[in-house]
Amino acid sequence: MKAFRKLLARTPFYGVYKSLGHYPDYWYWKLRGEPIRSPHLLKQRTVREYAQRYGLRVLVETGTYYGEMVDAMRSRLRKSIPWNLIQRWRSVPQKVFSLAARAYS
């Protein structure tokens, strides 16, 4: 399974694979009584609510690896930008979003 995930991570389909895992993660978090570490779906909802409340149109996500938040907010915001200070991590979201011109403009 680990080898399959590694192989899948190099394809454009990895984002879909990762996003499908957010739902079980959310329900597992609910079943455990909503501990401090919040699931990605909750974080997405929070970012979406702040963007709507304050009229935000641009998201700059720092410290991203696969750019999951950028991907989730891309259709809701005018521009989503992943930004990594660590040089070797910069290429990962660029490869993932190479087909999406709105992610890097």
C-alpha atoms as a PDB file:
ATOM      1  CA  MET A   1       0.000   0.000   0.000  1.00  0.00           C
ATOM      2  CA  LYS A   2       2.841   2.389   0.843  1.00  0.00           C
ATOM      3  CA  ALA A   3       4.469   1.809  -2.541  1.00  0.00           C
ATOM      4  CA  PHE A   4       1.144   2.458  -4.291  1.00  0.00           C
ATOM      5  CA  ARG A   5       0.700   5.741  -2.405  1.00  0.00           C
ATOM      6  CA  LYS A   6       4.227   6.795  -3.319  1.00  0.00           C
ATOM      7  CA  LEU A   7       3.576   6.053  -6.967  1.00  0.00           C
ATOM      8  CA  LEU A   8       0.211   7.800  -6.868  1.00  0.00           C
ATOM      9  CA  ALA A   9       1.819  10.887  -5.294  1.00  0.00           C
ATOM     10  CA  ARG A  10       3.664  11.468  -8.563  1.00  0.00           C
ATOM     11  CA  THR A  11       0.477  11.655 -10.595  1.00  0.00           C
ATOM     12  CA  PRO A  12      -2.176  14.364 -11.018  1.00  0.00           C
ATOM     13  CA  PHE A  13      -4.697  12.024  -9.331  1.00  0.00           C
ATOM     14  CA  TYR A  14      -3.090  12.248  -5.898  1.00  0.00           C
ATOM     15  CA  GLY A  15      -5.177  15.273  -4.928  1.00  0.00           C
ATOM     16  CA  VAL A  16      -8.391  13.335  -5.513  1.00  0.00           C
ATOM     17  CA  TYR A  17      -7.031  10.422  -3.492  1.00  0.00           C
ATOM     18  CA  LYS A  18      -6.062  12.727  -0.612  1.00  0.00           C
ATOM     19  CA  SER A  19      -9.374  14.608  -0.638  1.00  0.00           C
ATOM     20  CA  LEU A  20     -11.361  11.383  -0.351  1.00  0.00           C
ATOM     21  CA  GLY A  21      -9.516  10.666   2.875  1.00  0.00           C
ATOM     22  CA  HIS A  22     -10.762  13.891   4.460  1.00  0.00           C
ATOM     23  CA  TYR A  23     -14.262  12.525   5.063  1.00  0.00           C
ATOM     24  CA  PRO A  24     -13.293   9.473   7.155  1.00  0.00           C
ATOM     25  CA  ASP A  25     -10.828  11.691   9.010  1.00  0.00           C
ATOM     26  CA  TYR A  26     -13.623  14.151   9.841  1.00  0.00           C
ATOM     27  CA  TRP A  27     -15.983  11.473  11.126  1.00  0.00           C
ATOM     28  CA  TYR A  28     -13.225   9.800  13.147  1.00  0.00           C
ATOM     29  CA  TRP A  29     -12.519  13.205  14.721  1.00  0.00           C
ATOM     30  CA  LYS A  30     -16.243  13.569  15.609  1.00  0.00           C
ATOM     31  CA  LEU A  31     -16.359  10.067  17.112  1.00  0.00           C
ATOM     32  CA  ARG A  32     -13.363  10.855  19.320  1.00  0.00           C
ATOM     33  CA  GLY A  33     -15.156  13.862  20.790  1.00  0.00           C
ATOM     34  CA  GLU A  34     -13.592  16.597  18.637  1.00  0.00           C
ATOM     35  CA  PRO A  35     -10.048  16.652  20.052  1.00  0.00           C
ATOM     36  CA  ILE A  36      -7.755  19.661  19.531  1.00  0.00           C
ATOM     37  CA  ARG A  37      -6.203  18.528  16.237  1.00  0.00           C
ATOM     38  CA  SER A  38      -8.860  19.490  13.724  1.00  0.00           C
ATOM     39  CA  PRO A  39      -9.437  17.653  10.440  1.00  0.00           C
ATOM     40  CA  HIS A  40      -8.778  19.234   7.067  1.00  0.00           C
ATOM     41  CA  LEU A  41     -12.487  19.578   6.225  1.00  0.00           C
ATOM     42  CA  LEU A  42     -12.973  21.767   9.286  1.00  0.00           C
ATOM     43  CA  LYS A  43      -9.989  23.898   8.304  1.00  0.00           C
ATOM     44  CA  GLN A  44     -11.418  24.283   4.802  1.00  0.00           C
ATOM     45  CA  ARG A  45     -14.731  25.438   6.218  1.00  0.00           C
ATOM     46  CA  THR A  46     -12.974  27.963   8.457  1.00  0.00           C
ATOM     47  CA  VAL A  47     -10.963  29.418   5.570  1.00  0.00           C
ATOM     48  CA  ARG A  48     -14.106  29.545   3.407  1.00  0.00           C
ATOM     49  CA  GLU A  49     -16.050  31.372   6.160  1.00  0.00           C
ATOM     50  CA  TYR A  50     -13.264  33.915   6.733  1.00  0.00           C
ATOM     51  CA  ALA A  51     -12.976  34.552   2.994  1.00  0.00           C
ATOM     52  CA  GLN A  52     -16.705  35.168   2.767  1.00  0.00           C
ATOM     53  CA  ARG A  53     -16.949  37.263   5.937  1.00  0.00           C
ATOM     54  CA  TYR A  54     -14.027  39.557   5.079  1.00  0.00           C
ATOM     55  CA  GLY A  55     -14.348  39.574   1.287  1.00  0.00           C
ATOM     56  CA  LEU A  56     -11.010  37.868   0.737  1.00  0.00           C
ATOM     57  CA  ARG A  57     -10.173  36.870  -2.811  1.00  0.00           C
ATOM     58  CA  VAL A  58      -6.593  35.588  -2.491  1.00  0.00           C
ATOM     59  CA  LEU A  59      -5.180  32.737  -0.396  1.00  0.00           C
ATOM     60  CA  VAL A  60      -1.446  32.412   0.206  1.00  0.00           C
ATOM     61  CA  GLU A  61      -0.772  29.112   1.922  1.00  0.00           C
ATOM     62  CA  THR A  62       2.628  28.857   3.567  1.00  0.00           C
ATOM     63  CA  GLY A  63       4.238  25.612   4.564  1.00  0.00           C
ATOM     64  CA  THR A  64       2.148  23.563   2.173  1.00  0.00           C
ATOM     65  CA  TYR A  65       3.442  20.282   0.836  1.00  0.00           C
ATOM     66  CA  TYR A  66       0.786  18.919  -1.508  1.00  0.00           C
ATOM     67  CA  GLY A  67      -1.231  22.124  -1.669  1.00  0.00           C
ATOM     68  CA  GLU A  68      -4.459  20.590  -0.385  1.00  0.00           C
ATOM     69  CA  MET A  69      -5.903  23.853   0.936  1.00  0.00           C
ATOM     70  CA  VAL A  70      -4.944  25.640  -2.268  1.00  0.00           C
ATOM     71  CA  ASP A  71      -6.755  22.950  -4.225  1.00  0.00           C
ATOM     72  CA  ALA A  72      -9.817  23.097  -1.977  1.00  0.00           C
ATOM     73  CA  MET A  73     -10.107  26.893  -2.182  1.00  0.00           C
ATOM     74  CA  ARG A  74      -9.132  27.317  -5.832  1.00  0.00           C
ATOM     75  CA  SER A  75     -12.719  27.338  -7.087  1.00  0.00           C
ATOM     76  CA  ARG A  76     -13.926  29.668  -4.301  1.00  0.00           C
ATOM     77  CA  LEU A  77     -11.243  32.348  -4.444  1.00  0.00           C
ATOM     78  CA  ARG A  78      -9.860  34.409  -7.272  1.00  0.00           C
ATOM     79  CA  LYS A  79      -6.301  33.223  -6.672  1.00  0.00           C
ATOM     80  CA  SER A  80      -4.678  30.559  -4.483  1.00  0.00           C
ATOM     81  CA  ILE A  81      -0.919  30.545  -4.071  1.00  0.00           C
ATOM     82  CA  PRO A  82       1.125  27.830  -2.346  1.00  0.00           C
ATOM     83  CA  TRP A  83       4.373  29.182  -0.919  1.00  0.00           C
ATOM     84  CA  ASN A  84       7.194  27.147   0.599  1.00  0.00           C
ATOM     85  CA  LEU A  85      10.325  28.517   2.188  1.00  0.00           C
ATOM     86  CA  ILE A  86      12.006  25.120   1.963  1.00  0.00           C
ATOM     87  CA  GLN A  87      13.431  24.881  -1.553  1.00  0.00           C
ATOM     88  CA  ARG A  88      13.078  21.114  -2.037  1.00  0.00           C
ATOM     89  CA  TRP A  89       9.332  21.258  -1.211  1.00  0.00           C
ATOM     90  CA  ARG A  90       8.550  24.001  -3.710  1.00  0.00           C
ATOM     91  CA  SER A  91       8.414  21.699  -6.701  1.00  0.00           C
ATOM     92  CA  VAL A  92       5.759  19.340  -5.278  1.00  0.00           C
ATOM     93  CA  PRO A  93       2.719  21.672  -5.436  1.00  0.00           C
ATOM     94  CA  GLN A  94       4.024  23.140  -8.691  1.00  0.00           C
ATOM     95  CA  LYS A  95       3.926  19.667 -10.233  1.00  0.00           C
ATOM     96  CA  VAL A  96       0.503  18.972  -8.744  1.00  0.00           C
ATOM     97  CA  PHE A  97      -0.946  22.228 -10.094  1.00  0.00           C
ATOM     98  CA  SER A  98       0.954  22.412 -13.362  1.00  0.00           C
ATOM     99  CA  LEU A  99      -2.333  21.997 -15.244  1.00  0.00           C
ATOM    100  CA  ALA A 100      -4.153  24.648 -13.237  1.00  0.00           C
ATOM    101  CA  ALA A 101      -3.121  28.073 -14.492  1.00  0.00           C
ATOM    102  CA  ARG A 102      -5.036  29.884 -11.740  1.00  0.00           C
ATOM    103  CA  ALA A 103      -2.882  28.331  -9.033  1.00  0.00           C
ATOM    104  CA  TYR A 104       0.304  29.940 -10.399  1.00  0.00           C
ATOM    105  CA  SER A 105      -0.103  33.210 -12.189  1.00  0.00           C
END
